[in-house]
Amino acid sequence: MPTKAEAHIDDKPLSSPAETNGLLFNVNLAQVLYPEPGALKFLNLKTEGFSTSIPFVFKSSKIAGTRIVMPQLVPYFSLQAPASNAGDYSLQKKLYTEASNALSELNPSLVELNFLPFYWLPFHWAGFEVKPRITFRLDTRQIATDQLRKQFRENIRRQINKSEKIHEVCEAHSAETLIALNKASYRRKGDQAPIEPSVIEHFANYVQQYNCGKIIEIVENNEVIASALFGWDEQRVYYICGGMKTSDGGKNSGAMARLLWEGIQLARQREKEFDFEGSMHPGIAHFFSGFGAEMYTYYQVRKAGKMYGLYQNIKP
């Protein structure tokens, strides 16, 4: 009898989804980030011997229509392991066909979800646009700290050296300063900070409660000029978000390079990879690659309707 694949959009996750050790793939974390009733919905997937719940933010308005997007600070989701034989491919085809249908049946103006490498052809066949996205990872395992530093681009080493001479490093137990500096960094670019302060605060509280993350600050003349939030699981330490003071003291002092170096050392001490949670922005990508990090591809499945296009045109 053929194995059945099921996909449903529900208000609650499955009672016993597939176990995962990934910090960013944890349904519990998504619920902590969005504690308000109805803020999250779940794409619940189930086949014989496999089940998982994919949380997403469900937004609806008269102008923009229904939008299905990623929870903030969760850059992508982990799905079933890559298929290894014909039976696995057949099962994944059924599963992801059901998943794409379940999302499409909501008739959203926008679906935009990111996944680690997976069998994405059923989404393509269902009319979704599938885009490669890039993060950057640095393998710190089984390599001496001084050797890690030697592989950095010269300007990165120079910035770190400069910061080490003039700055102190400390650990913060509140996200208040981080949130303020994150806002300041975007304000300097003429943009609004895209991450809701409450989401940053919830994430910071979560990783500190479960001893799987830290907020690290750079201090100059008794003033915090840069801050970054890191989290880790069994495999990786992740750079979650950060911010700098807008004055020259923050921008030109090497503080951000120093923060990332501190995060890389956290990974080295724990014998894990360091994930920069990369960006498609050319300047940020260039900065991250200066640490000797390698590109790693994940995939965005996206479907936008006419209503969303109209909303984008009238949005201020």
Protein backbone atom coordinates (compact mmCIF):
# COMPACT_ATOMS: atom_id res chain seq x y z
CA MET A 1 0.00 0.00 0.00
CA PRO A 2 1.51 3.43 -0.96
CA THR A 3 2.74 5.59 1.88
CA LYS A 4 0.48 8.56 2.53
CA ALA A 5 1.86 12.09 2.78
CA GLU A 6 -0.11 14.79 4.60
CA ALA A 7 0.34 18.55 4.90
CA HIS A 8 -2.01 20.84 6.81
CA ILE A 9 -2.02 24.46 7.95
CA ASP A 10 -2.92 24.48 11.64
CA ASP A 11 -2.98 26.85 14.61
CA LYS A 12 -0.85 24.45 16.66
CA PRO A 13 2.22 22.32 15.88
CA LEU A 14 2.13 18.55 15.88
CA SER A 15 2.26 17.09 19.37
CA SER A 16 5.46 15.18 18.57
CA PRO A 17 7.28 16.68 15.58
CA ALA A 18 10.61 15.28 14.37
CA GLU A 19 13.39 15.77 16.90
CA THR A 20 15.99 18.35 15.98
CA ASN A 21 19.05 19.70 17.72
CA GLY A 22 19.03 22.91 15.71
CA LEU A 23 18.57 26.15 17.62
CA LEU A 24 16.96 27.86 14.64
CA PHE A 25 14.74 24.92 13.72
CA ASN A 26 13.08 24.65 17.11
CA VAL A 27 9.29 25.11 17.18
CA ASN A 28 9.54 26.07 20.85
CA LEU A 29 11.82 28.99 19.96
CA ALA A 30 9.39 30.31 17.34
CA GLN A 31 6.61 30.22 19.93
CA VAL A 32 8.81 32.13 22.37
CA LEU A 33 9.55 34.80 19.73
CA TYR A 34 5.82 35.22 19.00
CA PRO A 35 3.92 34.50 22.25
CA GLU A 36 0.74 36.35 21.23
CA PRO A 37 -2.21 34.05 20.42
CA GLY A 38 -2.64 33.62 16.67
CA ALA A 39 0.70 35.20 15.77
CA LEU A 40 1.99 31.91 14.33
CA LYS A 41 0.55 29.18 12.16
CA PHE A 42 2.15 25.83 11.38
CA LEU A 43 2.69 23.85 8.22
CA ASN A 44 2.41 20.36 9.68
CA LEU A 45 3.98 17.63 7.53
CA LYS A 46 3.54 13.93 8.14
CA THR A 47 4.48 10.67 6.42
CA GLU A 48 5.24 7.20 7.71
CA GLY A 49 8.17 7.51 10.11
CA PHE A 50 8.52 11.29 9.71
CA SER A 51 6.69 14.35 10.97
CA THR A 52 7.64 17.98 11.46
CA SER A 53 6.05 21.38 12.04
CA ILE A 54 7.18 24.47 10.16
CA PRO A 55 6.18 27.69 11.97
CA PHE A 56 5.44 30.81 9.97
CA VAL A 57 4.07 34.28 10.58
CA PHE A 58 0.61 34.76 9.13
CA LYS A 59 -0.14 38.39 8.31
CA SER A 60 -3.41 39.64 6.88
CA SER A 61 -4.69 43.08 5.92
CA LYS A 62 -7.22 44.56 3.50
CA ILE A 63 -4.51 46.27 1.48
CA ALA A 64 -1.73 43.68 1.43
CA GLY A 65 -3.87 40.54 1.61
CA THR A 66 -2.61 37.39 3.33
CA ARG A 67 1.17 37.05 3.67
CA ILE A 68 3.02 33.93 4.81
CA VAL A 69 6.57 34.79 5.88
CA MET A 70 9.45 33.62 8.06
CA PRO A 71 9.54 34.32 11.79
CA GLN A 72 12.13 37.04 12.39
CA LEU A 73 15.58 35.83 13.50
CA VAL A 74 14.78 32.40 12.02
CA PRO A 75 16.56 32.56 8.65
CA TYR A 76 15.57 29.15 7.28
CA PHE A 77 13.97 25.85 8.18
CA SER A 78 15.39 22.35 8.25
CA LEU A 79 13.39 19.68 6.45
CA GLN A 80 13.83 15.99 5.78
CA ALA A 81 17.31 14.70 4.92
CA PRO A 82 18.17 14.56 1.19
CA ALA A 83 16.71 11.58 -0.64
CA SER A 84 19.10 8.69 -1.20
CA ASN A 85 17.01 6.29 -3.30
CA ALA A 86 13.97 6.11 -5.59
CA GLY A 87 11.62 5.42 -2.68
CA ASP A 88 12.83 8.49 -0.80
CA TYR A 89 12.39 10.70 -3.87
CA SER A 90 8.85 9.42 -4.40
CA LEU A 91 7.96 10.07 -0.76
CA GLN A 92 9.45 13.56 -0.73
CA LYS A 93 7.66 14.39 -3.98
CA LYS A 94 4.35 13.49 -2.35
CA LEU A 95 5.17 15.36 0.85
CA TYR A 96 6.27 18.63 -0.72
CA THR A 97 3.49 18.54 -3.33
CA GLU A 98 1.05 18.39 -0.43
CA ALA A 99 2.94 21.20 1.33
CA SER A 100 2.88 23.52 -1.72
CA ASN A 101 -0.84 22.78 -2.22
CA ALA A 102 -1.64 23.54 1.43
CA LEU A 103 0.08 26.92 1.19
CA SER A 104 -1.50 27.76 -2.17
CA GLU A 105 -5.01 26.89 -0.96
CA LEU A 106 -4.83 29.83 1.46
CA ASN A 107 -4.72 32.02 -1.67
CA PRO A 108 -2.04 34.28 -0.13
CA SER A 109 -0.81 37.46 -1.75
CA LEU A 110 2.69 36.36 -0.74
CA VAL A 111 4.46 33.18 0.38
CA GLU A 112 8.14 33.59 1.22
CA LEU A 113 9.86 30.79 3.15
CA ASN A 114 13.49 29.67 3.27
CA PHE A 115 14.71 26.08 3.58
CA LEU A 116 18.01 24.32 3.91
CA PRO A 117 18.80 22.23 0.79
CA PHE A 118 15.81 20.00 0.15
CA TYR A 119 13.84 18.46 -2.70
CA TRP A 120 12.29 21.70 -3.96
CA LEU A 121 11.07 20.59 -7.41
CA PRO A 122 7.43 20.10 -6.25
CA PHE A 123 7.33 23.80 -5.28
CA HIS A 124 8.71 24.74 -8.69
CA TRP A 125 6.08 22.60 -10.41
CA ALA A 126 3.39 24.30 -8.31
CA GLY A 127 4.37 27.73 -9.63
CA PHE A 128 6.64 28.90 -6.82
CA GLU A 129 9.80 30.82 -7.65
CA VAL A 130 12.78 29.02 -6.13
CA LYS A 131 15.80 31.23 -5.40
CA PRO A 132 19.19 30.27 -4.00
CA ARG A 133 20.17 32.30 -0.95
CA ILE A 134 23.59 32.53 0.66
CA THR A 135 24.91 32.28 4.18
CA PHE A 136 28.56 32.10 5.19
CA ARG A 137 30.10 29.45 7.41
CA LEU A 138 33.53 29.08 8.94
CA ASP A 139 34.68 25.69 10.22
CA THR A 140 36.59 26.37 13.43
CA ARG A 141 36.97 22.73 14.43
CA GLN A 142 40.40 21.13 14.74
CA ILE A 143 42.23 24.34 13.90
CA ALA A 144 44.33 26.43 16.27
CA THR A 145 43.07 29.90 17.17
CA ASP A 146 46.14 31.62 15.72
CA GLN A 147 45.73 29.68 12.47
CA LEU A 148 42.11 30.79 12.24
CA ARG A 149 43.18 34.41 12.51
CA LYS A 150 45.89 34.04 9.89
CA GLN A 151 43.34 33.11 7.24
CA PHE A 152 41.44 36.40 7.68
CA ARG A 153 41.84 39.11 5.07
CA GLU A 154 44.52 41.65 6.08
CA ASN A 155 42.08 44.50 6.67
CA ILE A 156 39.99 42.29 8.98
CA ARG A 157 43.06 41.39 11.04
CA ARG A 158 44.01 45.07 11.17
CA GLN A 159 40.53 46.03 12.47
CA ILE A 160 40.63 43.33 15.14
CA ASN A 161 44.14 44.38 16.22
CA LYS A 162 43.01 47.99 16.52
CA SER A 163 39.99 47.08 18.62
CA GLU A 164 42.02 44.85 20.94
CA LYS A 165 44.27 47.80 21.78
CA ILE A 166 41.52 50.27 22.68
CA HIS A 167 38.41 48.31 23.66
CA GLU A 168 37.12 46.11 26.43
CA VAL A 169 34.80 43.15 25.84
CA CYS A 170 31.98 42.25 28.22
CA GLU A 171 28.89 40.08 28.33
CA ALA A 172 25.48 41.72 28.72
CA HIS A 173 22.49 40.20 30.47
CA SER A 174 19.91 42.50 28.89
CA ALA A 175 19.13 43.17 25.23
CA GLU A 176 18.27 46.84 25.86
CA THR A 177 21.55 48.29 24.54
CA LEU A 178 21.70 45.80 21.66
CA ILE A 179 18.23 46.87 20.51
CA ALA A 180 19.16 50.56 20.68
CA LEU A 181 22.38 50.02 18.69
CA ASN A 182 20.57 47.84 16.14
CA LYS A 183 18.10 50.67 15.54
CA ALA A 184 20.95 53.18 15.29
CA SER A 185 22.75 51.10 12.67
CA TYR A 186 19.73 51.11 10.38
CA ARG A 187 18.93 54.75 11.09
CA ARG A 188 22.42 55.63 9.89
CA LYS A 189 21.54 54.01 6.54
CA GLY A 190 18.24 55.85 6.35
CA ASP A 191 16.24 52.67 7.05
CA GLN A 192 13.97 51.44 9.79
CA ALA A 193 15.22 48.46 11.78
CA PRO A 194 13.45 45.42 10.29
CA ILE A 195 13.57 43.31 13.47
CA GLU A 196 10.93 43.98 16.08
CA PRO A 197 12.54 44.86 19.44
CA SER A 198 10.31 42.35 21.24
CA VAL A 199 11.61 39.54 18.99
CA ILE A 200 15.24 40.39 19.80
CA GLU A 201 14.40 40.56 23.51
CA HIS A 202 12.58 37.20 23.45
CA PHE A 203 15.44 35.54 21.56
CA ALA A 204 18.05 36.91 23.97
CA ASN A 205 16.04 35.78 27.00
CA TYR A 206 15.61 32.31 25.46
CA VAL A 207 19.29 31.64 24.74
CA GLN A 208 20.37 32.99 28.11
CA GLN A 209 17.77 30.91 29.94
CA TYR A 210 18.88 27.70 28.21
CA ASN A 211 22.59 28.58 28.18
CA CYS A 212 22.82 28.48 24.40
CA GLY A 213 23.74 32.07 23.60
CA LYS A 214 25.32 35.35 24.69
CA ILE A 215 25.16 39.07 24.09
CA ILE A 216 28.70 40.42 23.71
CA GLU A 217 29.45 44.14 23.91
CA ILE A 218 32.42 46.29 22.91
CA VAL A 219 33.17 49.08 25.39
CA GLU A 220 35.15 52.27 24.77
CA ASN A 221 35.65 54.86 27.52
CA ASN A 222 32.98 53.17 29.66
CA GLU A 223 30.44 53.38 26.82
CA VAL A 224 29.06 50.45 24.80
CA ILE A 225 29.71 51.20 21.12
CA ALA A 226 28.81 47.84 19.56
CA SER A 227 26.85 44.76 20.53
CA ALA A 228 26.02 41.37 19.00
CA LEU A 229 23.76 38.46 19.86
CA PHE A 230 25.03 34.89 19.33
CA GLY A 231 23.25 31.57 19.76
CA TRP A 232 24.42 27.99 19.41
CA ASP A 233 23.23 24.42 19.05
CA GLU A 234 25.07 21.10 18.72
CA GLN A 235 26.59 22.00 15.36
CA ARG A 236 27.05 25.76 15.07
CA VAL A 237 27.38 29.13 16.72
CA TYR A 238 25.18 31.68 14.88
CA TYR A 239 25.58 35.43 14.59
CA ILE A 240 21.98 36.49 15.13
CA CYS A 241 22.03 40.29 14.97
CA GLY A 242 24.11 43.26 16.03
CA GLY A 243 24.46 47.00 16.03
CA MET A 244 26.98 49.82 16.35
CA LYS A 245 27.01 53.35 17.62
CA THR A 246 26.68 55.87 14.80
CA SER A 247 29.69 57.95 15.80
CA ASP A 248 33.15 57.41 14.34
CA GLY A 249 34.04 55.68 17.59
CA GLY A 250 31.83 52.79 16.59
CA LYS A 251 32.11 52.84 12.82
CA ASN A 252 35.84 53.13 12.29
CA SER A 253 37.30 51.38 15.32
CA GLY A 254 37.08 47.76 14.18
CA ALA A 255 34.37 47.02 16.75
CA MET A 256 32.18 44.90 14.45
CA ALA A 257 35.11 42.82 13.21
CA ARG A 258 36.07 42.31 16.86
CA LEU A 259 32.56 41.21 17.78
CA LEU A 260 32.56 38.59 15.03
CA TRP A 261 36.01 37.44 16.12
CA GLU A 262 34.65 36.97 19.64
CA GLY A 263 31.79 34.91 18.18
CA ILE A 264 34.23 32.82 16.14
CA GLN A 265 36.21 32.13 19.30
CA LEU A 266 32.99 30.96 21.00
CA ALA A 267 32.63 28.46 18.16
CA ARG A 268 36.28 27.42 18.42
CA GLN A 269 35.99 26.82 22.16
CA ARG A 270 32.93 24.63 21.58
CA GLU A 271 34.39 22.87 18.52
CA LYS A 272 31.56 24.07 16.27
CA GLU A 273 31.14 25.82 12.94
CA PHE A 274 30.49 29.55 12.97
CA ASP A 275 27.54 30.70 10.85
CA PHE A 276 27.52 34.38 9.92
CA GLU A 277 23.82 34.21 8.91
CA GLY A 278 24.91 35.78 5.66
CA SER A 279 23.44 38.46 3.52
CA MET A 280 22.84 38.90 -0.19
CA HIS A 281 23.98 42.54 0.26
CA PRO A 282 27.31 42.90 -1.61
CA GLY A 283 29.05 44.93 1.12
CA ILE A 284 28.04 42.58 3.93
CA ALA A 285 28.89 39.50 1.86
CA HIS A 286 32.34 40.94 1.16
CA PHE A 287 32.86 41.67 4.86
CA PHE A 288 31.91 38.15 5.93
CA SER A 289 34.06 36.53 3.25
CA GLY A 290 37.03 38.42 4.70
CA PHE A 291 37.01 36.00 7.63
CA GLY A 292 37.75 33.09 5.32
CA ALA A 293 34.14 31.95 5.47
CA GLU A 294 32.72 29.79 2.71
CA MET A 295 29.39 30.33 0.98
CA TYR A 296 26.62 27.90 1.78
CA THR A 297 23.39 27.76 -0.22
CA TYR A 298 19.86 27.44 1.05
CA TYR A 299 16.65 28.03 -0.92
CA GLN A 300 13.76 30.46 -0.82
CA VAL A 301 10.38 29.35 -2.18
CA ARG A 302 8.30 32.37 -3.11
CA LYS A 303 4.96 33.07 -4.73
CA ALA A 304 3.62 36.62 -5.02
CA GLY A 305 0.21 37.51 -6.38
CA LYS A 306 -1.03 40.67 -8.09
CA MET A 307 -2.42 42.07 -4.84
CA TYR A 308 1.01 42.03 -3.25
CA GLY A 309 2.47 43.81 -6.27
CA LEU A 310 -0.13 46.55 -5.90
CA TYR A 311 0.63 46.81 -2.18
CA GLN A 312 4.35 47.23 -2.93
CA ASN A 313 3.60 50.03 -5.38
CA ILE A 314 1.48 52.04 -2.92
CA LYS A 315 3.48 51.32 0.22
CA PRO A 316 5.28 54.50 1.43
